[in-house]
Amino acid sequence: IQHRSQPVEFDIKEDRTIEFSFSSTNPVNRGALGNEILDHREGAIDFSRLNDAAPLLFNHDPNKPIGVVEKAWLKNERGYARVRFSDNPFPSEVFNDVRNGILRGVSVGYSVNEVERLDDDKDSYLVRAWQPAEISIAVIAADPEIGIGRAKEVEKTDVTMSTQQESSN
């Protein structure tokens, strides 16, 4: 499972649901593999797991579920989701920090199904087909173009981003 994080703008509703972007085409450095770009054209993203009540986690920790993904979709070359926070104590703490602008990072855990090396840029590759499995509220974000407070277009800057790769059985 790959992870990609970034701050986002949350549209917070009264019923503890929030809508935000969770993925973009922004390149993320994957070390020796080069810069990874997630394809956001129609059909590139398999939303089936997200749209089957996928978990909303805290920092990708499967032992810290904080809610559920109610719906995921593609819009303007970004992945979007509507999530609902649990009203249990720890998820309520996270929800309050999101609502108060303390936590703004969002990350997506996904599987890569098809990759294409880009001819014009030997240091980059395009993930042509991928499947998100979970969305996380993240303390540290990798992609500055998504997340809480980032729904509008942002100007790209020269920022070094850290990424995290994990594998799971």
C-alpha atoms as a PDB file:
ATOM      1  CA  ILE A   1       0.000   0.000   0.000  1.00  0.00           C
ATOM      2  CA  GLN A   2       1.360   3.417  -1.000  1.00  0.00           C
ATOM      3  CA  HIS A   3       0.501   6.563   0.953  1.00  0.00           C
ATOM      4  CA  ARG A   4       0.209  10.115  -0.272  1.00  0.00           C
ATOM      5  CA  SER A   5      -0.610  13.019   2.038  1.00  0.00           C
ATOM      6  CA  GLN A   6      -1.463  16.684   1.740  1.00  0.00           C
ATOM      7  CA  PRO A   7      -3.447  19.427   3.488  1.00  0.00           C
ATOM      8  CA  VAL A   8      -7.028  19.928   2.265  1.00  0.00           C
ATOM      9  CA  GLU A   9     -10.017  22.228   2.687  1.00  0.00           C
ATOM     10  CA  PHE A  10     -12.825  20.528   4.567  1.00  0.00           C
ATOM     11  CA  ASP A  11     -16.468  21.362   3.966  1.00  0.00           C
ATOM     12  CA  ILE A  12     -17.749  20.554   7.477  1.00  0.00           C
ATOM     13  CA  LYS A  13     -21.434  19.658   7.945  1.00  0.00           C
ATOM     14  CA  GLU A  14     -23.533  19.517  11.115  1.00  0.00           C
ATOM     15  CA  ASP A  15     -23.821  15.693  10.967  1.00  0.00           C
ATOM     16  CA  ARG A  16     -20.031  15.180  11.406  1.00  0.00           C
ATOM     17  CA  THR A  17     -19.524  14.698   7.668  1.00  0.00           C
ATOM     18  CA  ILE A  18     -16.797  16.457   5.727  1.00  0.00           C
ATOM     19  CA  GLU A  19     -16.077  16.694   1.980  1.00  0.00           C
ATOM     20  CA  PHE A  20     -12.539  17.273   0.689  1.00  0.00           C
ATOM     21  CA  SER A  21     -10.048  16.356  -2.005  1.00  0.00           C
ATOM     22  CA  PHE A  22      -7.793  13.425  -1.120  1.00  0.00           C
ATOM     23  CA  SER A  23      -5.622  13.014  -4.250  1.00  0.00           C
ATOM     24  CA  SER A  24      -4.208  15.042  -7.127  1.00  0.00           C
ATOM     25  CA  THR A  25      -1.800  14.791 -10.041  1.00  0.00           C
ATOM     26  CA  ASN A  26       0.947  16.470  -8.026  1.00  0.00           C
ATOM     27  CA  PRO A  27       4.214  14.461  -8.354  1.00  0.00           C
ATOM     28  CA  VAL A  28       5.461  12.801  -5.148  1.00  0.00           C
ATOM     29  CA  ASN A  29       9.084  11.675  -4.821  1.00  0.00           C
ATOM     30  CA  ARG A  30       9.311   7.915  -4.215  1.00  0.00           C
ATOM     31  CA  GLY A  31      13.082   7.829  -3.733  1.00  0.00           C
ATOM     32  CA  ALA A  32      14.958   5.547  -6.157  1.00  0.00           C
ATOM     33  CA  LEU A  33      11.752   4.939  -8.125  1.00  0.00           C
ATOM     34  CA  GLY A  34      11.494   8.625  -9.044  1.00  0.00           C
ATOM     35  CA  ASN A  35       8.524  10.964  -9.016  1.00  0.00           C
ATOM     36  CA  GLU A  36       5.138   9.267  -8.916  1.00  0.00           C
ATOM     37  CA  ILE A  37       2.152  10.910 -10.630  1.00  0.00           C
ATOM     38  CA  LEU A  38      -1.307   9.488 -10.038  1.00  0.00           C
ATOM     39  CA  ASP A  39      -3.468   9.434 -13.172  1.00  0.00           C
ATOM     40  CA  HIS A  40      -6.788  11.194 -12.588  1.00  0.00           C
ATOM     41  CA  ARG A  41      -8.405  10.589 -15.965  1.00  0.00           C
ATOM     42  CA  GLU A  42     -11.799   8.897 -16.110  1.00  0.00           C
ATOM     43  CA  GLY A  43     -11.362   5.158 -15.426  1.00  0.00           C
ATOM     44  CA  ALA A  44      -7.861   5.383 -13.880  1.00  0.00           C
ATOM     45  CA  ILE A  45      -9.140   5.200 -10.291  1.00  0.00           C
ATOM     46  CA  ASP A  46     -11.044   2.182  -9.007  1.00  0.00           C
ATOM     47  CA  PHE A  47     -13.309   3.715  -6.341  1.00  0.00           C
ATOM     48  CA  SER A  48     -14.980   0.394  -5.443  1.00  0.00           C
ATOM     49  CA  ARG A  49     -13.263  -0.049  -2.061  1.00  0.00           C
ATOM     50  CA  LEU A  50     -13.772   3.552  -0.998  1.00  0.00           C
ATOM     51  CA  ASN A  51     -17.427   3.436  -2.015  1.00  0.00           C
ATOM     52  CA  ASP A  52     -17.944   0.276   0.042  1.00  0.00           C
ATOM     53  CA  ALA A  53     -17.666   2.047   3.421  1.00  0.00           C
ATOM     54  CA  ALA A  54     -13.847   2.176   3.477  1.00  0.00           C
ATOM     55  CA  PRO A  55     -12.263   3.299   6.744  1.00  0.00           C
ATOM     56  CA  LEU A  56     -11.283   6.825   7.660  1.00  0.00           C
ATOM     57  CA  LEU A  57      -8.118   6.340   9.729  1.00  0.00           C
ATOM     58  CA  PHE A  58      -5.783   8.470  11.803  1.00  0.00           C
ATOM     59  CA  ASN A  59      -2.269   8.470  10.264  1.00  0.00           C
ATOM     60  CA  HIS A  60      -2.916   5.208   8.335  1.00  0.00           C
ATOM     61  CA  ASP A  61      -3.145   3.284  11.606  1.00  0.00           C
ATOM     62  CA  PRO A  62      -5.677   0.439  11.173  1.00  0.00           C
ATOM     63  CA  ASN A  63      -5.982   0.359  14.963  1.00  0.00           C
ATOM     64  CA  LYS A  64      -7.217   3.985  14.975  1.00  0.00           C
ATOM     65  CA  PRO A  65     -10.379   4.107  12.869  1.00  0.00           C
ATOM     66  CA  ILE A  66     -12.048   7.499  13.221  1.00  0.00           C
ATOM     67  CA  GLY A  67     -14.863   7.241  10.703  1.00  0.00           C
ATOM     68  CA  VAL A  68     -16.070   5.935   7.374  1.00  0.00           C
ATOM     69  CA  VAL A  69     -15.934   6.995   3.732  1.00  0.00           C
ATOM     70  CA  GLU A  70     -19.510   7.587   2.601  1.00  0.00           C
ATOM     71  CA  LYS A  71     -18.756   8.472  -1.034  1.00  0.00           C
ATOM     72  CA  ALA A  72     -15.755   9.023  -3.319  1.00  0.00           C
ATOM     73  CA  TRP A  73     -15.636  10.523  -6.818  1.00  0.00           C
ATOM     74  CA  LEU A  74     -13.472  12.209  -9.465  1.00  0.00           C
ATOM     75  CA  LYS A  75     -13.760  15.931 -10.213  1.00  0.00           C
ATOM     76  CA  ASN A  76     -11.364  18.381 -11.895  1.00  0.00           C
ATOM     77  CA  GLU A  77      -8.441  15.892 -11.888  1.00  0.00           C
ATOM     78  CA  ARG A  78      -8.763  15.279  -8.145  1.00  0.00           C
ATOM     79  CA  GLY A  79     -10.175  12.515  -6.009  1.00  0.00           C
ATOM     80  CA  TYR A  80     -12.872  13.744  -3.625  1.00  0.00           C
ATOM     81  CA  ALA A  81     -14.559  12.082  -0.662  1.00  0.00           C
ATOM     82  CA  ARG A  82     -17.329  12.643   1.811  1.00  0.00           C
ATOM     83  CA  VAL A  83     -16.469  11.074   5.175  1.00  0.00           C
ATOM     84  CA  ARG A  84     -18.345  10.804   8.456  1.00  0.00           C
ATOM     85  CA  PHE A  85     -16.540  10.898  11.801  1.00  0.00           C
ATOM     86  CA  SER A  86     -17.451   8.533  14.624  1.00  0.00           C
ATOM     87  CA  ASP A  87     -18.771  10.153  17.797  1.00  0.00           C
ATOM     88  CA  ASN A  88     -16.527   8.019  20.033  1.00  0.00           C
ATOM     89  CA  PRO A  89     -13.957   9.904  22.199  1.00  0.00           C
ATOM     90  CA  PHE A  90     -10.766   9.720  20.082  1.00  0.00           C
ATOM     91  CA  PRO A  91     -12.493  10.384  16.719  1.00  0.00           C
ATOM     92  CA  SER A  92     -14.289  13.324  18.379  1.00  0.00           C
ATOM     93  CA  GLU A  93     -10.918  14.771  19.413  1.00  0.00           C
ATOM     94  CA  VAL A  94      -9.642  14.452  15.836  1.00  0.00           C
ATOM     95  CA  PHE A  95     -12.885  15.909  14.431  1.00  0.00           C
ATOM     96  CA  ASN A  96     -12.589  18.914  16.769  1.00  0.00           C
ATOM     97  CA  ASP A  97      -8.957  19.476  15.688  1.00  0.00           C
ATOM     98  CA  VAL A  98     -10.052  19.327  12.035  1.00  0.00           C
ATOM     99  CA  ARG A  99     -12.947  21.730  12.672  1.00  0.00           C
ATOM    100  CA  ASN A 100     -10.605  24.119  14.513  1.00  0.00           C
ATOM    101  CA  GLY A 101      -7.970  24.053  11.747  1.00  0.00           C
ATOM    102  CA  ILE A 102      -5.355  22.245  13.853  1.00  0.00           C
ATOM    103  CA  LEU A 103      -5.256  19.124  11.650  1.00  0.00           C
ATOM    104  CA  ARG A 104      -5.339  19.907   7.908  1.00  0.00           C
ATOM    105  CA  GLY A 105      -3.495  16.965   6.361  1.00  0.00           C
ATOM    106  CA  VAL A 106      -5.142  14.190   4.388  1.00  0.00           C
ATOM    107  CA  SER A 107      -3.499  11.069   3.036  1.00  0.00           C
ATOM    108  CA  VAL A 108      -4.714   8.210   0.889  1.00  0.00           C
ATOM    109  CA  GLY A 109      -3.588   4.576   1.090  1.00  0.00           C
ATOM    110  CA  TYR A 110      -3.740   2.892  -2.313  1.00  0.00           C
ATOM    111  CA  SER A 111      -2.620  -0.046  -4.429  1.00  0.00           C
ATOM    112  CA  VAL A 112      -0.862   0.482  -7.742  1.00  0.00           C
ATOM    113  CA  ASN A 113      -2.251  -1.650 -10.576  1.00  0.00           C
ATOM    114  CA  GLU A 114      -0.539  -0.259 -13.709  1.00  0.00           C
ATOM    115  CA  VAL A 115       2.527   1.978 -14.185  1.00  0.00           C
ATOM    116  CA  GLU A 116       4.022   3.716 -17.208  1.00  0.00           C
ATOM    117  CA  ARG A 117       7.469   5.338 -17.294  1.00  0.00           C
ATOM    118  CA  LEU A 118       7.209   8.806 -18.868  1.00  0.00           C
ATOM    119  CA  ASP A 119       9.373   9.114 -22.005  1.00  0.00           C
ATOM    120  CA  ASP A 120       9.906  12.860 -21.670  1.00  0.00           C
ATOM    121  CA  ASP A 121      10.968  12.604 -18.014  1.00  0.00           C
ATOM    122  CA  LYS A 122      13.043   9.535 -17.082  1.00  0.00           C
ATOM    123  CA  ASP A 123      12.757  10.472 -13.394  1.00  0.00           C
ATOM    124  CA  SER A 124       8.950  10.267 -13.368  1.00  0.00           C
ATOM    125  CA  TYR A 125       6.335   7.609 -13.850  1.00  0.00           C
ATOM    126  CA  LEU A 126       2.568   7.694 -14.207  1.00  0.00           C
ATOM    127  CA  VAL A 127       0.349   5.364 -12.208  1.00  0.00           C
ATOM    128  CA  ARG A 128      -2.224   4.614 -14.925  1.00  0.00           C
ATOM    129  CA  ALA A 129      -4.490   2.452 -12.742  1.00  0.00           C
ATOM    130  CA  TRP A 130      -4.806   2.538  -8.955  1.00  0.00           C
ATOM    131  CA  GLN A 131      -7.226   1.658  -6.167  1.00  0.00           C
ATOM    132  CA  PRO A 132      -7.608   3.689  -2.969  1.00  0.00           C
ATOM    133  CA  ALA A 133      -8.250   1.489   0.085  1.00  0.00           C
ATOM    134  CA  GLU A 134      -8.474   4.044   2.905  1.00  0.00           C
ATOM    135  CA  ILE A 135      -8.287   7.743   3.629  1.00  0.00           C
ATOM    136  CA  SER A 136      -6.462   9.136   6.644  1.00  0.00           C
ATOM    137  CA  ILE A 137      -6.369  12.359   8.548  1.00  0.00           C
ATOM    138  CA  ALA A 138      -2.601  12.879   8.606  1.00  0.00           C
ATOM    139  CA  VAL A 139      -0.378  14.977  10.820  1.00  0.00           C
ATOM    140  CA  ILE A 140       2.308  15.280   8.096  1.00  0.00           C
ATOM    141  CA  ALA A 141       1.190  15.716   4.482  1.00  0.00           C
ATOM    142  CA  ALA A 142       3.200  15.052   1.291  1.00  0.00           C
ATOM    143  CA  ASP A 143       1.010  16.653  -1.389  1.00  0.00           C
ATOM    144  CA  PRO A 144       0.359  20.393  -0.885  1.00  0.00           C
ATOM    145  CA  GLU A 145      -2.459  20.418  -3.446  1.00  0.00           C
ATOM    146  CA  ILE A 146      -5.043  18.448  -1.443  1.00  0.00           C
ATOM    147  CA  GLY A 147      -6.225  18.405   2.125  1.00  0.00           C
ATOM    148  CA  ILE A 148      -8.069  20.626   4.543  1.00  0.00           C
ATOM    149  CA  GLY A 149      -8.003  24.246   3.516  1.00  0.00           C
ATOM    150  CA  ARG A 150      -6.753  23.412   0.002  1.00  0.00           C
ATOM    151  CA  ALA A 151      -9.866  22.908  -2.156  1.00  0.00           C
ATOM    152  CA  LYS A 152      -8.985  25.864  -4.364  1.00  0.00           C
ATOM    153  CA  GLU A 153      -6.082  25.885  -6.803  1.00  0.00           C
ATOM    154  CA  VAL A 154      -2.773  26.559  -5.064  1.00  0.00           C
ATOM    155  CA  GLU A 155       0.415  27.945  -6.503  1.00  0.00           C
ATOM    156  CA  LYS A 156       3.146  25.314  -6.792  1.00  0.00           C
ATOM    157  CA  THR A 157       6.349  26.097  -4.907  1.00  0.00           C
ATOM    158  CA  ASP A 158       9.709  24.424  -4.608  1.00  0.00           C
ATOM    159  CA  VAL A 159       9.005  22.410  -1.486  1.00  0.00           C
ATOM    160  CA  THR A 160      10.727  19.172  -0.588  1.00  0.00           C
ATOM    161  CA  MET A 161       8.089  16.611   0.278  1.00  0.00           C
ATOM    162  CA  SER A 162       8.604  13.530   2.370  1.00  0.00           C
ATOM    163  CA  THR A 163       6.699  10.392   1.494  1.00  0.00           C
ATOM    164  CA  GLN A 164       6.041   7.148   3.239  1.00  0.00           C
ATOM    165  CA  GLN A 165       5.864   3.707   1.680  1.00  0.00           C
ATOM    166  CA  GLU A 166       4.513   0.732   3.563  1.00  0.00           C
ATOM    167  CA  SER A 167       3.604  -2.741   2.544  1.00  0.00           C
ATOM    168  CA  SER A 168       0.852  -4.798   3.983  1.00  0.00           C
ATOM    169  CA  ASN A 169      -0.294  -8.390   3.631  1.00  0.00           C
END
